[in-house]
C-alpha atoms as a PDB file:
ATOM      1  CA  MET A   1    -149.273 -39.800 -31.267  1.00  0.00           C
ATOM      2  CA  GLY A   2    -148.000 -36.900 -33.327  1.00  0.00           C
ATOM      3  CA  GLN A   3    -148.389 -38.873 -36.550  1.00  0.00           C
ATOM      4  CA  ASP A   4    -149.292 -36.777 -39.591  1.00  0.00           C
ATOM      5  CA  ALA A   5    -152.027 -38.412 -41.656  1.00  0.00           C
ATOM      6  CA  ARG A   6    -150.841 -36.668 -44.814  1.00  0.00           C
ATOM      7  CA  ARG A   7    -147.493 -36.712 -46.642  1.00  0.00           C
ATOM      8  CA  PRO A   8    -146.095 -35.097 -49.801  1.00  0.00           C
ATOM      9  CA  THR A   9    -146.193 -37.026 -53.046  1.00  0.00           C
ATOM     10  CA  LYS A  10    -143.227 -37.322 -55.397  1.00  0.00           C
ATOM     11  CA  LYS A  11    -144.814 -34.935 -57.925  1.00  0.00           C
ATOM     12  CA  GLY A  12    -144.777 -31.271 -56.924  1.00  0.00           C
ATOM     13  CA  GLY A  13    -146.108 -30.235 -53.545  1.00  0.00           C
ATOM     14  CA  ALA A  14    -149.395 -32.154 -53.725  1.00  0.00           C
ATOM     15  CA  ARG A  15    -150.309 -34.156 -50.660  1.00  0.00           C
ATOM     16  CA  ARG A  16    -152.019 -37.513 -50.393  1.00  0.00           C
ATOM     17  CA  ALA A  17    -153.245 -39.658 -47.549  1.00  0.00           C
ATOM     18  CA  ALA A  18    -150.489 -41.523 -45.697  1.00  0.00           C
ATOM     19  CA  PHE A  19    -152.812 -44.391 -44.890  1.00  0.00           C
ATOM     20  CA  SER A  20    -154.178 -46.980 -47.257  1.00  0.00           C
ATOM     21  CA  ALA A  21    -156.055 -50.223 -46.741  1.00  0.00           C
ATOM     22  CA  ARG A  22    -152.763 -52.033 -47.271  1.00  0.00           C
ATOM     23  CA  THR A  23    -150.563 -49.958 -44.956  1.00  0.00           C
ATOM     24  CA  ALA A  24    -152.849 -48.606 -42.223  1.00  0.00           C
ATOM     25  CA  ASP A  25    -152.571 -49.807 -38.646  1.00  0.00           C
ATOM     26  CA  ARG A  26    -156.116 -50.109 -37.308  1.00  0.00           C
ATOM     27  CA  HIS A  27    -155.016 -49.078 -33.812  1.00  0.00           C
ATOM     28  CA  VAL A  28    -153.421 -45.871 -35.093  1.00  0.00           C
ATOM     29  CA  LEU A  29    -156.530 -45.091 -37.137  1.00  0.00           C
ATOM     30  CA  TYR A  30    -158.777 -45.705 -34.126  1.00  0.00           C
ATOM     31  CA  GLN A  31    -156.735 -43.396 -31.928  1.00  0.00           C
ATOM     32  CA  LEU A  32    -156.692 -40.654 -34.572  1.00  0.00           C
ATOM     33  CA  ALA A  33    -160.409 -40.927 -35.352  1.00  0.00           C
ATOM     34  CA  VAL A  34    -162.003 -41.553 -31.980  1.00  0.00           C
ATOM     35  CA  GLN A  35    -159.813 -40.380 -29.147  1.00  0.00           C
ATOM     36  CA  SER A  36    -158.767 -36.991 -27.760  1.00  0.00           C
ATOM     37  CA  PRO A  37    -156.825 -38.007 -24.664  1.00  0.00           C
ATOM     38  CA  SER A  38    -155.500 -34.578 -23.692  1.00  0.00           C
ATOM     39  CA  GLU A  39    -159.024 -33.129 -23.870  1.00  0.00           C
ATOM     40  CA  ASP A  40    -160.414 -36.083 -21.924  1.00  0.00           C
ATOM     41  CA  VAL A  41    -157.809 -35.657 -19.178  1.00  0.00           C
ATOM     42  CA  ARG A  42    -158.658 -31.962 -18.848  1.00  0.00           C
ATOM     43  CA  PHE A  43    -162.385 -32.781 -18.725  1.00  0.00           C
ATOM     44  CA  LEU A  44    -161.990 -35.524 -16.110  1.00  0.00           C
ATOM     45  CA  ARG A  45    -159.775 -33.314 -13.975  1.00  0.00           C
ATOM     46  CA  ARG A  46    -162.234 -30.423 -14.113  1.00  0.00           C
ATOM     47  CA  VAL A  47    -165.320 -32.537 -13.364  1.00  0.00           C
ATOM     48  CA  TYR A  48    -163.688 -34.456 -10.521  1.00  0.00           C
ATOM     49  CA  ARG A  49    -162.396 -31.243  -8.929  1.00  0.00           C
ATOM     50  CA  GLY A  50    -165.849 -29.679  -9.265  1.00  0.00           C
ATOM     51  CA  LEU A  51    -167.545 -32.648  -7.597  1.00  0.00           C
ATOM     52  CA  ARG A  52    -164.960 -33.561  -4.960  1.00  0.00           C
ATOM     53  CA  GLY A  53    -163.035 -30.333  -4.391  1.00  0.00           C
ATOM     54  CA  GLN A  54    -159.672 -32.049  -4.885  1.00  0.00           C
ATOM     55  CA  ASP A  55    -157.517 -33.408  -7.685  1.00  0.00           C
ATOM     56  CA  ALA A  56    -158.115 -36.913  -8.986  1.00  0.00           C
ATOM     57  CA  ARG A  57    -155.084 -39.169  -8.643  1.00  0.00           C
ATOM     58  CA  HIS A  58    -156.244 -42.500 -10.075  1.00  0.00           C
ATOM     59  CA  LEU A  59    -158.092 -43.479 -13.254  1.00  0.00           C
ATOM     60  CA  ARG A  60    -159.736 -46.828 -13.919  1.00  0.00           C
ATOM     61  CA  GLU A  61    -160.761 -47.355 -17.525  1.00  0.00           C
ATOM     62  CA  ASP A  62    -162.862 -50.336 -18.582  1.00  0.00           C
ATOM     63  CA  PHE A  63    -162.721 -51.342 -22.257  1.00  0.00           C
ATOM     64  CA  CYS A  64    -159.576 -49.237 -22.624  1.00  0.00           C
ATOM     65  CA  GLY A  65    -158.459 -50.719 -25.949  1.00  0.00           C
ATOM     66  CA  THR A  66    -154.984 -49.314 -26.580  1.00  0.00           C
ATOM     67  CA  ALA A  67    -154.979 -47.574 -23.153  1.00  0.00           C
ATOM     68  CA  LEU A  68    -154.229 -44.211 -24.751  1.00  0.00           C
ATOM     69  CA  LEU A  69    -156.288 -42.377 -22.130  1.00  0.00           C
ATOM     70  CA  CYS A  70    -154.501 -44.208 -19.301  1.00  0.00           C
ATOM     71  CA  ALA A  71    -151.147 -43.224 -20.789  1.00  0.00           C
ATOM     72  CA  ALA A  72    -152.182 -39.576 -21.155  1.00  0.00           C
ATOM     73  CA  TRP A  73    -153.544 -39.542 -17.599  1.00  0.00           C
ATOM     74  CA  VAL A  74    -150.278 -40.784 -16.104  1.00  0.00           C
ATOM     75  CA  ARG A  75    -148.117 -38.487 -18.252  1.00  0.00           C
ATOM     76  CA  ALA A  76    -150.098 -35.394 -17.268  1.00  0.00           C
ATOM     77  CA  ARG A  77    -148.934 -35.469 -13.647  1.00  0.00           C
ATOM     78  CA  GLU A  78    -146.292 -37.543 -11.878  1.00  0.00           C
ATOM     79  CA  ALA A  79    -148.446 -38.530  -8.892  1.00  0.00           C
ATOM     80  CA  ARG A  80    -151.204 -40.050 -11.064  1.00  0.00           C
ATOM     81  CA  THR A  81    -151.827 -43.741 -11.562  1.00  0.00           C
ATOM     82  CA  ALA A  82    -154.109 -45.586 -13.966  1.00  0.00           C
ATOM     83  CA  GLU A  83    -155.371 -49.069 -14.616  1.00  0.00           C
ATOM     84  CA  GLY A  84    -156.981 -50.136 -17.855  1.00  0.00           C
ATOM     85  CA  PHE A  85    -158.955 -53.270 -18.627  1.00  0.00           C
ATOM     86  CA  ASP A  86    -159.886 -54.760 -21.969  1.00  0.00           C
ATOM     87  CA  THR A  87    -160.783 -58.194 -23.321  1.00  0.00           C
ATOM     88  CA  SER A  88    -158.268 -58.097 -26.186  1.00  0.00           C
ATOM     89  CA  ARG A  89    -154.757 -59.040 -25.110  1.00  0.00           C
ATOM     90  CA  ALA A  90    -153.396 -58.181 -28.569  1.00  0.00           C
ATOM     91  CA  THR A  91    -154.831 -54.650 -28.415  1.00  0.00           C
ATOM     92  CA  LEU A  92    -153.512 -54.133 -24.884  1.00  0.00           C
ATOM     93  CA  ASP A  93    -150.083 -55.364 -25.956  1.00  0.00           C
ATOM     94  CA  TRP A  94    -150.104 -52.938 -28.900  1.00  0.00           C
ATOM     95  CA  GLY A  95    -151.070 -50.094 -26.574  1.00  0.00           C
ATOM     96  CA  ARG A  96    -148.329 -50.977 -24.113  1.00  0.00           C
ATOM     97  CA  ALA A  97    -145.733 -51.001 -26.894  1.00  0.00           C
ATOM     98  CA  HIS A  98    -146.894 -47.772 -28.565  1.00  0.00           C
ATOM     99  CA  ASN A  99    -148.373 -45.605 -25.815  1.00  0.00           C
ATOM    100  CA  PHE A 100    -146.189 -46.344 -22.788  1.00  0.00           C
ATOM    101  CA  THR A 101    -142.704 -46.093 -24.254  1.00  0.00           C
END
């Protein structure tokens, strides 16, 4: 993501929220508020290795929303694959456009 939720105002060095009800993208807000994909990838890797004694190579995520975790999983190591499922085509399309490019 890397999107800063704060930005400078025109007056002095004061900062104000970059998001407002008018300008906020609900998918961006969800990802910032709810998800920690790099932490989740580390956790899944550690737990799987502890249980199975080998590295996990594939992730299946049900109700993946924007598929941010799937994207982080695949980016973390070249040999990894992921599949994500959700009921909202619009949310999946947003995730594909913003998290897999």
